[in-house]
Amino acid sequence: MGVKGAETRDRLLDATQELLEAGGYLGAGLNQVIATSGAPRGSLYFHFPGGKDQLVGESVRRAGRAIGSDLESLADSSTSVAEFAEAVLRHLGERLEESGWHKGCPVATVALETASTNDPLQEACSEVYTSWETALRARLAGHPEADDLAVTILALVEGALLLARTHRSTEPLHRVARQIGVLVD
């Protein structure tokens, strides 16, 4: 694939992620993806011959890797799990607030809408959540309940994002950060 083809593919994935985060799977119609990306219709089917499910699956995995990279950077600059959790929640809160409360978790809306009815997208969402749990578990290495805590922290973060978006306030994120500090002590 040439540079132009890679750029077109990236624009399609960027547009899909933006639409997924704002409106979920049902809010990311192919016509909207084409309009938002500015890519020709034929490019969509050239790069994603599997159609919408392939496009959404790749977008979810790509967004998951980006968030995973953010988690690694924040982990490297934190001295404790509590500090790491606080940094993650602050980062996600800033991202959410800067988007006008439109950008929540790039996986959650797709998972809620498709996990029980669409096996390929359920697998994509599960892969991303598993990678984030693994990153959290690594940060909790040595803690006697690292496996359970990794899942608990991820569930708290996802719930806090939902509440923050619903209330249009970062307060739920701050409160969860404080409680994660209590949990990991």
Protein backbone atom coordinates (compact mmCIF):
# COMPACT_ATOMS: atom_id res chain seq x y z
CA MET A 1 0.00 0.00 0.00
CA GLY A 2 1.36 3.40 -0.96
CA VAL A 3 1.49 6.49 1.21
CA LYS A 4 -1.73 7.89 -0.23
CA GLY A 5 -3.54 4.60 0.34
CA ALA A 6 -2.29 4.43 3.93
CA GLU A 7 -3.41 8.02 4.52
CA THR A 8 -6.88 7.26 3.14
CA ARG A 9 -7.12 4.14 5.31
CA ASP A 10 -6.10 6.16 8.38
CA ARG A 11 -8.69 8.86 7.59
CA LEU A 12 -11.38 6.18 7.38
CA LEU A 13 -10.30 4.71 10.73
CA ASP A 14 -10.05 8.17 12.35
CA ALA A 15 -13.55 9.06 11.18
CA THR A 16 -14.92 5.73 12.36
CA GLN A 17 -13.38 6.12 15.80
CA GLU A 18 -14.74 9.65 16.13
CA LEU A 19 -18.24 8.50 15.16
CA LEU A 20 -18.08 5.40 17.40
CA GLU A 21 -17.06 7.40 20.44
CA ALA A 22 -19.77 9.99 19.88
CA GLY A 23 -22.64 7.78 18.79
CA GLY A 24 -21.67 4.13 19.11
CA TYR A 25 -21.93 1.41 16.48
CA LEU A 26 -25.36 2.53 15.37
CA GLY A 27 -24.17 6.13 15.04
CA ALA A 28 -21.31 5.21 12.73
CA GLY A 29 -23.05 4.54 9.44
CA LEU A 30 -20.89 4.04 6.36
CA ASN A 31 -22.28 7.18 4.69
CA GLN A 32 -21.28 9.14 7.81
CA VAL A 33 -17.81 7.60 7.79
CA ILE A 34 -17.36 8.56 4.12
CA ALA A 35 -18.63 12.11 4.74
CA THR A 36 -16.51 12.62 7.87
CA SER A 37 -13.34 11.15 6.35
CA GLY A 38 -13.71 12.79 2.95
CA ALA A 39 -12.60 9.50 1.39
CA PRO A 40 -14.19 8.17 -1.79
CA ARG A 41 -16.78 5.42 -1.28
CA GLY A 42 -14.72 2.98 -3.33
CA SER A 43 -11.77 3.44 -0.95
CA LEU A 44 -13.87 2.22 1.94
CA TYR A 45 -14.61 -1.07 0.23
CA PHE A 46 -11.04 -1.34 -1.11
CA HIS A 47 -9.49 -1.01 2.36
CA PHE A 48 -12.26 -2.79 4.25
CA PRO A 49 -13.78 -5.47 1.98
CA GLY A 50 -15.52 -6.95 5.03
CA GLY A 51 -17.63 -3.79 5.29
CA LYS A 52 -18.72 -2.03 8.43
CA ASP A 53 -17.85 -4.83 10.86
CA GLN A 54 -14.26 -5.00 9.60
CA LEU A 55 -13.95 -1.20 9.71
CA VAL A 56 -15.38 -1.01 13.25
CA GLY A 57 -13.32 -3.97 14.47
CA GLU A 58 -10.09 -2.45 13.18
CA SER A 59 -11.04 0.96 14.58
CA VAL A 60 -11.72 -0.52 18.03
CA ARG A 61 -8.40 -2.41 18.02
CA ARG A 62 -6.50 0.67 16.81
CA ALA A 63 -8.09 2.90 19.46
CA GLY A 64 -7.38 0.23 22.06
CA ARG A 65 -3.69 0.23 21.12
CA ALA A 66 -3.57 4.03 21.38
CA ILE A 67 -5.12 4.01 24.86
CA GLY A 68 -2.81 1.10 25.79
CA SER A 69 0.17 3.20 24.71
CA ASP A 70 -1.11 6.07 26.86
CA LEU A 71 -1.41 3.65 29.81
CA GLU A 72 2.19 2.51 29.36
CA SER A 73 3.45 6.10 29.26
CA LEU A 74 1.48 7.02 32.37
CA ALA A 75 2.71 3.87 34.14
CA ASP A 76 6.32 4.75 33.34
CA SER A 77 5.94 8.21 34.87
CA SER A 78 4.08 7.07 38.02
CA THR A 79 5.72 5.92 41.24
CA SER A 80 2.75 3.94 42.62
CA VAL A 81 -0.41 2.23 41.46
CA ALA A 82 -2.54 4.92 43.10
CA GLU A 83 -0.60 7.65 41.30
CA PHE A 84 -0.91 5.71 38.05
CA ALA A 85 -4.69 5.32 38.46
CA GLU A 86 -5.06 9.01 39.25
CA ALA A 87 -3.03 9.93 36.15
CA VAL A 88 -5.09 7.61 33.94
CA LEU A 89 -8.39 9.01 35.19
CA ARG A 90 -7.15 12.60 34.87
CA HIS A 91 -5.99 11.88 31.29
CA LEU A 92 -9.31 10.30 30.35
CA GLY A 93 -11.22 13.14 32.01
CA GLU A 94 -9.26 15.76 30.09
CA ARG A 95 -9.86 13.86 26.86
CA LEU A 96 -13.57 13.64 27.60
CA GLU A 97 -13.92 17.28 28.62
CA GLU A 98 -11.89 18.57 25.64
CA SER A 99 -14.21 16.69 23.29
CA GLY A 100 -17.26 18.47 24.68
CA TRP A 101 -18.23 15.27 26.53
CA HIS A 102 -18.45 13.32 23.25
CA LYS A 103 -15.39 11.07 23.57
CA GLY A 104 -15.77 8.39 26.18
CA CYS A 105 -14.24 4.97 25.95
CA PRO A 106 -13.62 3.95 22.31
CA VAL A 107 -14.65 0.38 23.16
CA ALA A 108 -17.54 0.63 25.62
CA THR A 109 -20.27 1.86 23.30
CA VAL A 110 -19.45 -0.76 20.67
CA ALA A 111 -19.27 -3.51 23.31
CA LEU A 112 -22.63 -2.55 24.81
CA GLU A 113 -24.33 -2.48 21.42
CA THR A 114 -22.80 -5.54 19.79
CA ALA A 115 -21.28 -7.98 22.30
CA SER A 116 -24.34 -10.23 22.46
CA THR A 117 -25.11 -10.20 18.74
CA ASN A 118 -21.90 -9.80 16.75
CA ASP A 119 -19.11 -12.29 17.45
CA PRO A 120 -16.30 -10.54 15.50
CA LEU A 121 -16.91 -7.21 17.25
CA GLN A 122 -17.33 -8.92 20.63
CA GLU A 123 -13.90 -10.50 20.04
CA ALA A 124 -12.34 -7.14 19.09
CA CYS A 125 -13.74 -5.48 22.23
CA SER A 126 -12.69 -8.42 24.40
CA GLU A 127 -9.13 -8.31 23.00
CA VAL A 128 -8.82 -4.62 23.86
CA TYR A 129 -10.20 -5.01 27.37
CA THR A 130 -7.90 -7.98 27.93
CA SER A 131 -4.88 -5.96 26.82
CA TRP A 132 -5.80 -3.17 29.23
CA GLU A 133 -6.30 -5.69 32.07
CA THR A 134 -2.89 -7.15 31.27
CA ALA A 135 -1.30 -3.69 31.43
CA LEU A 136 -2.98 -3.02 34.78
CA ARG A 137 -1.97 -6.46 36.12
CA ALA A 138 1.64 -5.75 35.17
CA ARG A 139 1.48 -2.50 37.10
CA LEU A 140 0.09 -4.42 40.10
CA ALA A 141 2.82 -7.08 39.99
CA GLY A 142 3.57 -8.30 43.48
CA HIS A 143 0.17 -7.39 44.86
CA PRO A 144 -1.51 -10.53 46.28
CA GLU A 145 -4.76 -9.85 44.40
CA ALA A 146 -3.37 -8.39 41.18
CA ASP A 147 -5.73 -10.31 38.87
CA ASP A 148 -8.90 -9.30 40.73
CA LEU A 149 -7.70 -5.73 41.24
CA ALA A 150 -6.89 -5.28 37.54
CA VAL A 151 -10.46 -6.21 36.58
CA THR A 152 -11.91 -4.12 39.41
CA ILE A 153 -9.91 -1.04 38.44
CA LEU A 154 -10.89 -1.39 34.78
CA ALA A 155 -14.57 -1.74 35.74
CA LEU A 156 -14.32 1.31 38.00
CA VAL A 157 -12.69 3.36 35.23
CA GLU A 158 -15.32 2.34 32.66
CA GLY A 159 -18.15 3.12 35.09
CA ALA A 160 -16.59 6.45 36.05
CA LEU A 161 -16.30 7.41 32.37
CA LEU A 162 -19.97 6.65 31.85
CA LEU A 163 -20.96 8.73 34.87
CA ALA A 164 -18.63 11.59 33.90
CA ARG A 165 -20.07 11.70 30.40
CA THR A 166 -23.64 11.48 31.69
CA HIS A 167 -23.15 14.22 34.30
CA ARG A 168 -20.74 16.21 32.12
CA SER A 169 -18.44 16.43 35.08
CA THR A 170 -15.05 14.94 35.90
CA GLU A 171 -16.04 14.56 39.56
CA PRO A 172 -16.87 10.81 39.23
CA LEU A 173 -13.36 10.27 37.83
CA HIS A 174 -11.75 12.08 40.77
CA ARG A 175 -13.83 10.09 43.27
CA VAL A 176 -12.94 6.77 41.65
CA ALA A 177 -9.25 7.74 41.59
CA ARG A 178 -9.38 8.31 45.36
CA GLN A 179 -11.07 4.95 45.95
CA ILE A 180 -8.58 3.08 43.77
CA GLY A 181 -5.89 4.54 46.00
CA VAL A 182 -7.69 3.00 49.00
CA LEU A 183 -8.07 -0.37 47.24
CA VAL A 184 -4.43 -0.79 46.31
CA ASP A 185 -2.96 0.27 49.66
